[in-house]
Amino acid sequence: MDAAGRDDYPHIEIIVERLGKEYIGDEYINERTLEKVLYNMRELYKKIKGE
């Protein structure tokens, strides 16, 4: 298998945010938890991309 060469991160972040908001509505997690997850994802993404 060869890499597709495209960056799917923005789509993954949208999916995580959408599911996170559903989970907040269902009271599985709170807003702070979602924000922490998104922050951690962004920081890891920056490290991977070399920024």
Protein backbone atom coordinates (compact mmCIF):
# COMPACT_ATOMS: atom_id res chain seq x y z
CA MET A 1 0.00 0.00 0.00
CA ASP A 2 1.20 3.47 -0.86
CA ALA A 3 0.36 6.61 1.06
CA ALA A 4 -2.34 8.71 -0.55
CA GLY A 5 -0.32 11.88 -0.04
CA ARG A 6 -3.26 13.84 1.30
CA ASP A 7 -3.80 15.33 4.72
CA ASP A 8 -7.02 14.03 6.28
CA TYR A 9 -6.48 15.70 9.65
CA PRO A 10 -9.06 18.50 9.15
CA HIS A 11 -11.74 15.90 8.43
CA ILE A 12 -10.78 13.84 11.46
CA GLU A 13 -10.97 16.92 13.69
CA ILE A 14 -14.45 17.71 12.37
CA ILE A 15 -15.60 14.15 13.11
CA VAL A 16 -14.16 14.23 16.64
CA GLU A 17 -15.77 17.61 17.32
CA ARG A 18 -19.16 16.46 15.99
CA LEU A 19 -19.12 13.25 18.04
CA GLY A 20 -17.85 15.15 21.08
CA LYS A 21 -20.80 17.52 20.92
CA GLU A 22 -23.17 14.55 20.72
CA TYR A 23 -21.48 13.02 23.77
CA ILE A 24 -21.79 16.31 25.63
CA GLY A 25 -25.51 16.31 24.84
CA ASP A 26 -25.79 12.75 26.12
CA GLU A 27 -23.73 13.73 29.19
CA TYR A 28 -20.96 11.19 28.55
CA ILE A 29 -18.31 13.95 28.60
CA ASN A 30 -18.23 17.67 29.36
CA GLU A 31 -17.13 20.65 27.26
CA ARG A 32 -13.77 20.84 29.01
CA THR A 33 -12.96 17.25 28.05
CA LEU A 34 -13.77 17.88 24.40
CA GLU A 35 -11.66 21.03 24.32
CA LYS A 36 -8.77 19.17 25.95
CA VAL A 37 -8.98 16.37 23.36
CA LEU A 38 -9.06 18.83 20.45
CA TYR A 39 -6.15 20.79 21.92
CA ASN A 40 -4.08 17.62 22.31
CA MET A 41 -4.90 16.54 18.76
CA ARG A 42 -3.82 19.93 17.39
CA GLU A 43 -0.57 19.90 19.36
CA LEU A 44 0.30 16.39 18.17
CA TYR A 45 -0.56 17.35 14.60
CA LYS A 46 1.79 20.35 14.80
CA LYS A 47 4.60 18.09 16.06
CA ILE A 48 4.01 15.58 13.28
CA LYS A 49 3.94 18.29 10.62
CA GLY A 50 7.09 19.86 12.06
CA GLU A 51 5.68 23.26 12.95
